[in-house]
């Protein structure tokens, strides 16, 4: 695995020096200020967006579930019945 990473890094550096896109190896425009070509940048943008949407959906459902069950939405500790804040005292202390 370590040798594979070294080879990938070597290919990345070589393509970057020669003016190619490091990911796909297609020649990029000289006027372009980014390292990757526009197709690869769009791929990364969409890839990261899909992952973050999935994570945000999970976080939102967990937050709602904990809040409904009178738990701290951040750590999951049980809150007292007369406790006024949504977040527990230890999480508030960490925040501030």
PDB file of N, CA and C in Angstrom:
ATOM      1  N   UNK A   1       0.829  -1.195   0.000  1.00  0.00           N
ATOM      2  CA  UNK A   1       0.000   0.000   0.000  1.00  0.00           C
ATOM      3  C   UNK A   1       0.872   1.258   0.000  1.00  0.00           C
ATOM      4  N   UNK A   2       1.954   1.252   0.783  1.00  0.00           N
ATOM      5  CA  UNK A   2       2.803   2.429   0.879  1.00  0.00           C
ATOM      6  C   UNK A   2       3.483   2.723  -0.454  1.00  0.00           C
ATOM      7  N   UNK A   3       3.902   1.674  -1.159  1.00  0.00           N
ATOM      8  CA  UNK A   3       4.550   1.902  -2.454  1.00  0.00           C
ATOM      9  C   UNK A   3       3.550   2.450  -3.461  1.00  0.00           C
ATOM     10  N   UNK A   4       2.303   2.001  -3.381  1.00  0.00           N
ATOM     11  CA  UNK A   4       1.271   2.496  -4.287  1.00  0.00           C
ATOM     12  C   UNK A   4       1.056   3.993  -4.067  1.00  0.00           C
ATOM     13  N   UNK A   5       1.062   4.422  -2.823  1.00  0.00           N
ATOM     14  CA  UNK A   5       0.889   5.846  -2.516  1.00  0.00           C
ATOM     15  C   UNK A   5       2.059   6.663  -3.046  1.00  0.00           C
ATOM     16  N   UNK A   6       3.265   6.112  -2.951  1.00  0.00           N
ATOM     17  CA  UNK A   6       4.443   6.816  -3.462  1.00  0.00           C
ATOM     18  C   UNK A   6       4.374   6.968  -4.974  1.00  0.00           C
ATOM     19  N   UNK A   7       3.913   5.922  -5.637  1.00  0.00           N
ATOM     20  CA  UNK A   7       3.782   5.971  -7.095  1.00  0.00           C
ATOM     21  C   UNK A   7       2.721   6.991  -7.494  1.00  0.00           C
ATOM     22  N   UNK A   8       1.591   6.993  -6.790  1.00  0.00           N
ATOM     23  CA  UNK A   8       0.530   7.962  -7.083  1.00  0.00           C
ATOM     24  C   UNK A   8       1.024   9.388  -6.898  1.00  0.00           C
ATOM     25  N   UNK A   9       1.758   9.609  -5.842  1.00  0.00           N
ATOM     26  CA  UNK A   9       2.276  10.950  -5.561  1.00  0.00           C
ATOM     27  C   UNK A   9       3.255  11.391  -6.644  1.00  0.00           C
ATOM     28  N   UNK A  10       4.076  10.452  -7.105  1.00  0.00           N
ATOM     29  CA  UNK A  10       5.048  10.750  -8.156  1.00  0.00           C
ATOM     30  C   UNK A  10       4.328  11.126  -9.452  1.00  0.00           C
ATOM     31  N   UNK A  11       3.284  10.368  -9.798  1.00  0.00           N
ATOM     32  CA  UNK A  11       2.489  10.660 -10.994  1.00  0.00           C
ATOM     33  C   UNK A  11       1.815  12.023 -10.859  1.00  0.00           C
ATOM     34  N   UNK A  12       1.277  12.296  -9.666  1.00  0.00           N
ATOM     35  CA  UNK A  12       0.612  13.585  -9.411  1.00  0.00           C
ATOM     36  C   UNK A  12       1.577  14.738  -9.658  1.00  0.00           C
ATOM     37  N   UNK A  13       2.767  14.647  -9.068  1.00  0.00           N
ATOM     38  CA  UNK A  13       3.744  15.732  -9.212  1.00  0.00           C
ATOM     39  C   UNK A  13       4.196  15.901 -10.654  1.00  0.00           C
ATOM     40  N   UNK A  14       4.424  14.775 -11.356  1.00  0.00           N
ATOM     41  CA  UNK A  14       4.872  14.831 -12.738  1.00  0.00           C
ATOM     42  C   UNK A  14       3.831  15.497 -13.631  1.00  0.00           C
ATOM     43  N   UNK A  15       2.568  15.108 -13.472  1.00  0.00           N
ATOM     44  CA  UNK A  15       1.498  15.711 -14.278  1.00  0.00           C
ATOM     45  C   UNK A  15       1.354  17.192 -13.982  1.00  0.00           C
ATOM     46  N   UNK A  16       1.489  17.561 -12.717  1.00  0.00           N
ATOM     47  CA  UNK A  16       1.345  18.962 -12.318  1.00  0.00           C
ATOM     48  C   UNK A  16       2.450  19.820 -12.945  1.00  0.00           C
ATOM     49  N   UNK A  17       3.664  19.306 -12.925  1.00  0.00           N
ATOM     50  CA  UNK A  17       4.792  20.041 -13.506  1.00  0.00           C
ATOM     51  C   UNK A  17       4.608  20.227 -15.011  1.00  0.00           C
ATOM     52  N   UNK A  18       4.121  19.192 -15.687  1.00  0.00           N
ATOM     53  CA  UNK A  18       3.959  19.236 -17.142  1.00  0.00           C
ATOM     54  C   UNK A  18       2.736  20.027 -17.595  1.00  0.00           C
ATOM     55  N   UNK A  19       1.880  20.421 -16.661  1.00  0.00           N
ATOM     56  CA  UNK A  19       0.718  21.228 -17.009  1.00  0.00           C
ATOM     57  C   UNK A  19      -0.531  20.412 -17.300  1.00  0.00           C
ATOM     58  N   UNK A  20      -0.514  19.148 -16.903  1.00  0.00           N
ATOM     59  CA  UNK A  20      -1.690  18.294 -17.070  1.00  0.00           C
ATOM     60  C   UNK A  20      -2.516  18.302 -15.787  1.00  0.00           C
ATOM     61  N   UNK A  21      -3.752  17.882 -15.920  1.00  0.00           N
ATOM     62  CA  UNK A  21      -4.596  17.709 -14.738  1.00  0.00           C
ATOM     63  C   UNK A  21      -4.055  16.509 -13.957  1.00  0.00           C
ATOM     64  N   UNK A  22      -3.745  16.649 -12.660  1.00  0.00           N
ATOM     65  CA  UNK A  22      -3.169  15.542 -11.886  1.00  0.00           C
ATOM     66  C   UNK A  22      -4.096  14.344 -11.746  1.00  0.00           C
ATOM     67  N   UNK A  23      -5.384  14.544 -11.831  1.00  0.00           N
ATOM     68  CA  UNK A  23      -6.321  13.440 -11.635  1.00  0.00           C
ATOM     69  C   UNK A  23      -6.512  12.623 -12.913  1.00  0.00           C
ATOM     70  N   UNK A  24      -6.851  13.305 -14.022  1.00  0.00           N
ATOM     71  CA  UNK A  24      -7.191  12.568 -15.245  1.00  0.00           C
ATOM     72  C   UNK A  24      -6.081  12.578 -16.289  1.00  0.00           C
ATOM     73  N   UNK A  25      -5.141  13.503 -16.200  1.00  0.00           N
ATOM     74  CA  UNK A  25      -4.030  13.554 -17.136  1.00  0.00           C
ATOM     75  C   UNK A  25      -4.329  14.288 -18.432  1.00  0.00           C
ATOM     76  N   UNK A  26      -5.487  14.928 -18.532  1.00  0.00           N
ATOM     77  CA  UNK A  26      -5.830  15.676 -19.733  1.00  0.00           C
ATOM     78  C   UNK A  26      -5.180  17.056 -19.649  1.00  0.00           C
ATOM     79  N   UNK A  27      -4.698  17.543 -20.776  1.00  0.00           N
ATOM     80  CA  UNK A  27      -4.052  18.853 -20.803  1.00  0.00           C
ATOM     81  C   UNK A  27      -5.040  19.930 -20.403  1.00  0.00           C
ATOM     82  N   UNK A  28      -4.631  20.807 -19.487  1.00  0.00           N
ATOM     83  CA  UNK A  28      -5.511  21.891 -19.050  1.00  0.00           C
ATOM     84  C   UNK A  28      -5.136  23.185 -19.763  1.00  0.00           C
ATOM     85  N   UNK A  29      -6.011  24.146 -19.716  1.00  0.00           N
ATOM     86  CA  UNK A  29      -5.745  25.435 -20.346  1.00  0.00           C
ATOM     87  C   UNK A  29      -4.687  26.195 -19.556  1.00  0.00           C
ATOM     88  N   UNK A  30      -3.914  26.995 -20.258  1.00  0.00           N
ATOM     89  CA  UNK A  30      -2.869  27.772 -19.589  1.00  0.00           C
ATOM     90  C   UNK A  30      -3.454  28.928 -18.792  1.00  0.00           C
ATOM     91  N   UNK A  31      -4.606  29.434 -19.227  1.00  0.00           N
ATOM     92  CA  UNK A  31      -5.226  30.564 -18.538  1.00  0.00           C
ATOM     93  C   UNK A  31      -5.946  30.130 -17.265  1.00  0.00           C
ATOM     94  N   UNK A  32      -6.102  28.823 -17.073  1.00  0.00           N
ATOM     95  CA  UNK A  32      -6.818  28.324 -15.909  1.00  0.00           C
ATOM     96  C   UNK A  32      -5.927  28.431 -14.670  1.00  0.00           C
ATOM     97  N   UNK A  33      -6.473  28.963 -13.594  1.00  0.00           N
ATOM     98  CA  UNK A  33      -5.673  29.171 -12.395  1.00  0.00           C
ATOM     99  C   UNK A  33      -5.724  27.995 -11.427  1.00  0.00           C
ATOM    100  N   UNK A  34      -6.530  26.968 -11.718  1.00  0.00           N
ATOM    101  CA  UNK A  34      -6.665  25.818 -10.845  1.00  0.00           C
ATOM    102  C   UNK A  34      -5.752  24.692 -11.303  1.00  0.00           C
ATOM    103  N   UNK A  35      -5.401  23.808 -10.400  1.00  0.00           N
ATOM    104  CA  UNK A  35      -4.540  22.684 -10.720  1.00  0.00           C
ATOM    105  C   UNK A  35      -5.307  21.652 -11.539  1.00  0.00           C
ATOM    106  N   UNK A  36      -6.529  21.337 -11.133  1.00  0.00           N
ATOM    107  CA  UNK A  36      -7.340  20.342 -11.831  1.00  0.00           C
ATOM    108  C   UNK A  36      -8.125  20.988 -12.966  1.00  0.00           C
ATOM    109  N   UNK A  37      -8.489  20.167 -13.954  1.00  0.00           N
ATOM    110  CA  UNK A  37      -9.311  20.663 -15.061  1.00  0.00           C
ATOM    111  C   UNK A  37     -10.738  20.907 -14.560  1.00  0.00           C
ATOM    112  N   UNK A  38     -11.535  21.551 -15.380  1.00  0.00           N
ATOM    113  CA  UNK A  38     -12.885  21.917 -14.953  1.00  0.00           C
ATOM    114  C   UNK A  38     -13.764  20.687 -14.728  1.00  0.00           C
ATOM    115  N   UNK A  39     -13.572  19.622 -15.513  1.00  0.00           N
ATOM    116  CA  UNK A  39     -14.359  18.399 -15.323  1.00  0.00           C
ATOM    117  C   UNK A  39     -14.064  17.759 -13.971  1.00  0.00           C
ATOM    118  N   UNK A  40     -12.783  17.690 -13.600  1.00  0.00           N
ATOM    119  CA  UNK A  40     -12.404  17.078 -12.323  1.00  0.00           C
ATOM    120  C   UNK A  40     -12.862  17.931 -11.142  1.00  0.00           C
ATOM    121  N   UNK A  41     -12.802  19.250 -11.297  1.00  0.00           N
ATOM    122  CA  UNK A  41     -13.286  20.122 -10.223  1.00  0.00           C
ATOM    123  C   UNK A  41     -14.781  19.945 -10.013  1.00  0.00           C
ATOM    124  N   UNK A  42     -15.523  19.787 -11.111  1.00  0.00           N
ATOM    125  CA  UNK A  42     -16.956  19.550 -10.998  1.00  0.00           C
ATOM    126  C   UNK A  42     -17.226  18.196 -10.334  1.00  0.00           C
ATOM    127  N   UNK A  43     -16.427  17.185 -10.674  1.00  0.00           N
ATOM    128  CA  UNK A  43     -16.568  15.859 -10.058  1.00  0.00           C
ATOM    129  C   UNK A  43     -16.372  15.954  -8.549  1.00  0.00           C
ATOM    130  N   UNK A  44     -15.306  16.616  -8.110  1.00  0.00           N
ATOM    131  CA  UNK A  44     -15.040  16.761  -6.673  1.00  0.00           C
ATOM    132  C   UNK A  44     -16.150  17.552  -5.985  1.00  0.00           C
ATOM    133  N   UNK A  45     -16.627  18.588  -6.634  1.00  0.00           N
ATOM    134  CA  UNK A  45     -17.688  19.415  -6.060  1.00  0.00           C
ATOM    135  C   UNK A  45     -18.947  18.579  -5.827  1.00  0.00           C
ATOM    136  N   UNK A  46     -19.353  17.804  -6.807  1.00  0.00           N
ATOM    137  CA  UNK A  46     -20.541  16.966  -6.681  1.00  0.00           C
ATOM    138  C   UNK A  46     -20.333  15.839  -5.683  1.00  0.00           C
ATOM    139  N   UNK A  47     -19.134  15.257  -5.675  1.00  0.00           N
ATOM    140  CA  UNK A  47     -18.827  14.157  -4.766  1.00  0.00           C
ATOM    141  C   UNK A  47     -18.932  14.627  -3.320  1.00  0.00           C
ATOM    142  N   UNK A  48     -18.331  15.758  -3.010  1.00  0.00           N
ATOM    143  CA  UNK A  48     -18.375  16.286  -1.651  1.00  0.00           C
ATOM    144  C   UNK A  48     -19.785  16.706  -1.261  1.00  0.00           C
ATOM    145  N   UNK A  49     -20.544  17.213  -2.199  1.00  0.00           N
ATOM    146  CA  UNK A  49     -21.906  17.649  -1.908  1.00  0.00           C
ATOM    147  C   UNK A  49     -22.788  16.460  -1.541  1.00  0.00           C
ATOM    148  N   UNK A  50     -22.636  15.342  -2.233  1.00  0.00           N
ATOM    149  CA  UNK A  50     -23.428  14.148  -1.930  1.00  0.00           C
ATOM    150  C   UNK A  50     -23.124  13.635  -0.530  1.00  0.00           C
ATOM    151  N   UNK A  51     -21.856  13.593  -0.181  1.00  0.00           N
ATOM    152  CA  UNK A  51     -21.458  13.102   1.134  1.00  0.00           C
ATOM    153  C   UNK A  51     -21.997  14.011   2.229  1.00  0.00           C
ATOM    154  N   UNK A  52     -21.858  15.318   2.060  1.00  0.00           N
ATOM    155  CA  UNK A  52     -22.306  16.239   3.103  1.00  0.00           C
ATOM    156  C   UNK A  52     -23.826  16.213   3.248  1.00  0.00           C
ATOM    157  N   UNK A  53     -24.552  16.012   2.162  1.00  0.00           N
ATOM    158  CA  UNK A  53     -26.011  15.924   2.266  1.00  0.00           C
ATOM    159  C   UNK A  53     -26.428  14.708   3.094  1.00  0.00           C
ATOM    160  N   UNK A  54     -25.763  13.579   2.887  1.00  0.00           N
ATOM    161  CA  UNK A  54     -26.065  12.370   3.656  1.00  0.00           C
ATOM    162  C   UNK A  54     -25.773  12.581   5.144  1.00  0.00           C
ATOM    163  N   UNK A  55     -24.616  13.159   5.430  1.00  0.00           N
ATOM    164  CA  UNK A  55     -24.239  13.397   6.821  1.00  0.00           C
ATOM    165  C   UNK A  55     -25.187  14.374   7.491  1.00  0.00           C
ATOM    166  N   UNK A  56     -25.553  15.443   6.795  1.00  0.00           N
ATOM    167  CA  UNK A  56     -26.460  16.430   7.369  1.00  0.00           C
ATOM    168  C   UNK A  56     -27.825  15.833   7.651  1.00  0.00           C
ATOM    169  N   UNK A  57     -28.298  14.968   6.784  1.00  0.00           N
ATOM    170  CA  UNK A  57     -29.590  14.325   6.990  1.00  0.00           C
ATOM    171  C   UNK A  57     -29.556  13.458   8.248  1.00  0.00           C
ATOM    172  N   UNK A  58     -28.483  12.690   8.434  1.00  0.00           N
ATOM    173  CA  UNK A  58     -28.342  11.859   9.627  1.00  0.00           C
ATOM    174  C   UNK A  58     -28.282  12.714  10.886  1.00  0.00           C
ATOM    175  N   UNK A  59     -27.520  13.795  10.816  1.00  0.00           N
ATOM    176  CA  UNK A  59     -27.378  14.675  11.978  1.00  0.00           C
ATOM    177  C   UNK A  59     -28.704  15.326  12.353  1.00  0.00           C
ATOM    178  N   UNK A  60     -29.460  15.755  11.344  1.00  0.00           N
ATOM    179  CA  UNK A  60     -30.748  16.386  11.619  1.00  0.00           C
ATOM    180  C   UNK A  60     -31.719  15.424  12.280  1.00  0.00           C
ATOM    181  N   UNK A  61     -31.771  14.185  11.791  1.00  0.00           N
ATOM    182  CA  UNK A  61     -32.699  13.212  12.385  1.00  0.00           C
ATOM    183  C   UNK A  61     -32.284  12.879  13.811  1.00  0.00           C
ATOM    184  N   UNK A  62     -30.973  12.740  14.064  1.00  0.00           N
ATOM    185  CA  UNK A  62     -30.501  12.462  15.418  1.00  0.00           C
ATOM    186  C   UNK A  62     -30.816  13.632  16.346  1.00  0.00           C
ATOM    187  N   UNK A  63     -30.622  14.855  15.866  1.00  0.00           N
ATOM    188  CA  UNK A  63     -30.910  16.049  16.654  1.00  0.00           C
ATOM    189  C   UNK A  63     -32.387  16.080  17.051  1.00  0.00           C
ATOM    190  N   UNK A  64     -33.274  15.857  16.073  1.00  0.00           N
ATOM    191  CA  UNK A  64     -34.713  15.888  16.350  1.00  0.00           C
ATOM    192  C   UNK A  64     -35.117  14.781  17.319  1.00  0.00           C
ATOM    193  N   UNK A  65     -34.542  13.604  17.138  1.00  0.00           N
ATOM    194  CA  UNK A  65     -34.864  12.464  18.000  1.00  0.00           C
ATOM    195  C   UNK A  65     -34.457  12.739  19.449  1.00  0.00           C
ATOM    196  N   UNK A  66     -33.241  13.266  19.629  1.00  0.00           N
ATOM    197  CA  UNK A  66     -32.759  13.560  20.981  1.00  0.00           C
ATOM    198  C   UNK A  66     -33.578  14.673  21.623  1.00  0.00           C
ATOM    199  N   UNK A  67     -33.889  15.705  20.864  1.00  0.00           N
ATOM    200  CA  UNK A  67     -34.644  16.826  21.396  1.00  0.00           C
ATOM    201  C   UNK A  67     -36.049  16.389  21.817  1.00  0.00           C
ATOM    202  N   UNK A  68     -36.647  15.510  21.030  1.00  0.00           N
ATOM    203  CA  UNK A  68     -37.984  14.999  21.328  1.00  0.00           C
ATOM    204  C   UNK A  68     -37.994  14.177  22.617  1.00  0.00           C
ATOM    205  N   UNK A  69     -36.918  13.430  22.856  1.00  0.00           N
ATOM    206  CA  UNK A  69     -36.823  12.575  24.039  1.00  0.00           C
ATOM    207  C   UNK A  69     -36.207  13.278  25.248  1.00  0.00           C
ATOM    208  N   UNK A  70     -36.121  14.621  25.205  1.00  0.00           N
ATOM    209  CA  UNK A  70     -35.593  15.439  26.298  1.00  0.00           C
ATOM    210  C   UNK A  70     -34.140  15.068  26.628  1.00  0.00           C
ATOM    211  N   UNK A  71     -33.339  14.889  25.565  1.00  0.00           N
ATOM    212  CA  UNK A  71     -31.908  14.631  25.702  1.00  0.00           C
ATOM    213  C   UNK A  71     -31.152  15.812  25.104  1.00  0.00           C
ATOM    214  N   UNK A  72     -29.917  15.949  25.523  1.00  0.00           N
ATOM    215  CA  UNK A  72     -29.064  16.981  24.927  1.00  0.00           C
ATOM    216  C   UNK A  72     -28.814  16.592  23.466  1.00  0.00           C
ATOM    217  N   UNK A  73     -29.089  17.480  22.523  1.00  0.00           N
ATOM    218  CA  UNK A  73     -28.926  17.138  21.114  1.00  0.00           C
ATOM    219  C   UNK A  73     -27.476  16.893  20.703  1.00  0.00           C
ATOM    220  N   UNK A  74     -26.519  17.399  21.463  1.00  0.00           N
ATOM    221  CA  UNK A  74     -25.118  17.245  21.096  1.00  0.00           C
ATOM    222  C   UNK A  74     -24.500  15.971  21.644  1.00  0.00           C
ATOM    223  N   UNK A  75     -24.657  15.726  22.942  1.00  0.00           N
ATOM    224  CA  UNK A  75     -23.978  14.578  23.559  1.00  0.00           C
ATOM    225  C   UNK A  75     -24.921  13.434  23.904  1.00  0.00           C
ATOM    226  N   UNK A  76     -26.213  13.695  24.048  1.00  0.00           N
ATOM    227  CA  UNK A  76     -27.182  12.647  24.327  1.00  0.00           C
ATOM    228  C   UNK A  76     -27.467  12.422  25.806  1.00  0.00           C
ATOM    229  N   UNK A  77     -26.927  13.289  26.670  1.00  0.00           N
ATOM    230  CA  UNK A  77     -27.205  13.163  28.108  1.00  0.00           C
ATOM    231  C   UNK A  77     -28.654  13.530  28.395  1.00  0.00           C
ATOM    232  N   UNK A  78     -29.208  12.882  29.405  1.00  0.00           N
ATOM    233  CA  UNK A  78     -30.588  13.171  29.786  1.00  0.00           C
ATOM    234  C   UNK A  78     -30.652  14.528  30.472  1.00  0.00           C
ATOM    235  N   UNK A  79     -31.638  15.322  30.105  1.00  0.00           N
ATOM    236  CA  UNK A  79     -31.856  16.633  30.717  1.00  0.00           C
ATOM    237  C   UNK A  79     -32.952  16.496  31.756  1.00  0.00           C
ATOM    238  N   UNK A  80     -32.881  17.308  32.801  1.00  0.00           N
ATOM    239  CA  UNK A  80     -33.910  17.293  33.823  1.00  0.00           C
ATOM    240  C   UNK A  80     -35.233  17.811  33.295  1.00  0.00           C
ATOM    241  N   UNK A  81     -36.312  17.463  33.959  1.00  0.00           N
ATOM    242  CA  UNK A  81     -37.638  17.895  33.503  1.00  0.00           C
ATOM    243  C   UNK A  81     -37.815  19.403  33.599  1.00  0.00           C
ATOM    244  N   UNK A  82     -37.199  20.017  34.607  1.00  0.00           N
ATOM    245  CA  UNK A  82     -37.338  21.458  34.800  1.00  0.00           C
ATOM    246  C   UNK A  82     -36.202  22.245  34.135  1.00  0.00           C
ATOM    247  N   UNK A  83     -35.333  21.566  33.438  1.00  0.00           N
ATOM    248  CA  UNK A  83     -34.202  22.223  32.770  1.00  0.00           C
ATOM    249  C   UNK A  83     -34.724  23.054  31.607  1.00  0.00           C
ATOM    250  N   UNK A  84     -34.354  24.334  31.560  1.00  0.00           N
ATOM    251  CA  UNK A  84     -34.918  25.264  30.588  1.00  0.00           C
ATOM    252  C   UNK A  84     -34.184  25.260  29.248  1.00  0.00           C
ATOM    253  N   UNK A  85     -32.876  25.065  29.260  1.00  0.00           N
ATOM    254  CA  UNK A  85     -32.089  25.125  28.027  1.00  0.00           C
ATOM    255  C   UNK A  85     -32.240  23.844  27.206  1.00  0.00           C
ATOM    256  N   UNK A  86     -31.950  23.951  25.930  1.00  0.00           N
ATOM    257  CA  UNK A  86     -32.013  22.792  25.042  1.00  0.00           C
ATOM    258  C   UNK A  86     -30.751  21.954  25.165  1.00  0.00           C
ATOM    259  N   UNK A  87     -29.618  22.613  25.409  1.00  0.00           N
ATOM    260  CA  UNK A  87     -28.317  21.948  25.481  1.00  0.00           C
ATOM    261  C   UNK A  87     -27.908  21.819  26.943  1.00  0.00           C
ATOM    262  N   UNK A  88     -27.256  20.697  27.295  1.00  0.00           N
ATOM    263  CA  UNK A  88     -26.849  20.465  28.689  1.00  0.00           C
ATOM    264  C   UNK A  88     -25.751  21.438  29.111  1.00  0.00           C
ATOM    265  N   UNK A  89     -25.535  21.490  30.404  1.00  0.00           N
ATOM    266  CA  UNK A  89     -24.585  22.453  30.984  1.00  0.00           C
ATOM    267  C   UNK A  89     -23.154  22.218  30.497  1.00  0.00           C
ATOM    268  N   UNK A  90     -22.716  20.965  30.416  1.00  0.00           N
ATOM    269  CA  UNK A  90     -21.338  20.677  30.001  1.00  0.00           C
ATOM    270  C   UNK A  90     -21.112  21.069  28.544  1.00  0.00           C
ATOM    271  N   UNK A  91     -22.098  20.858  27.684  1.00  0.00           N
ATOM    272  CA  UNK A  91     -21.961  21.271  26.281  1.00  0.00           C
ATOM    273  C   UNK A  91     -21.960  22.786  26.150  1.00  0.00           C
ATOM    274  N   UNK A  92     -22.743  23.471  26.970  1.00  0.00           N
ATOM    275  CA  UNK A  92     -22.738  24.927  26.970  1.00  0.00           C
ATOM    276  C   UNK A  92     -21.389  25.461  27.419  1.00  0.00           C
ATOM    277  N   UNK A  93     -20.790  24.830  28.427  1.00  0.00           N
ATOM    278  CA  UNK A  93     -19.475  25.245  28.905  1.00  0.00           C
ATOM    279  C   UNK A  93     -18.417  25.049  27.815  1.00  0.00           C
ATOM    280  N   UNK A  94     -18.517  23.941  27.097  1.00  0.00           N
ATOM    281  CA  UNK A  94     -17.567  23.690  26.004  1.00  0.00           C
ATOM    282  C   UNK A  94     -17.726  24.718  24.904  1.00  0.00           C
ATOM    283  N   UNK A  95     -18.963  25.114  24.647  1.00  0.00           N
ATOM    284  CA  UNK A  95     -19.232  26.071  23.577  1.00  0.00           C
ATOM    285  C   UNK A  95     -18.663  27.434  23.903  1.00  0.00           C
ATOM    286  N   UNK A  96     -18.778  27.842  25.157  1.00  0.00           N
ATOM    287  CA  UNK A  96     -18.293  29.167  25.556  1.00  0.00           C
ATOM    288  C   UNK A  96     -16.992  29.028  26.281  1.00  0.00           C
TER     289      UNK A  96
END
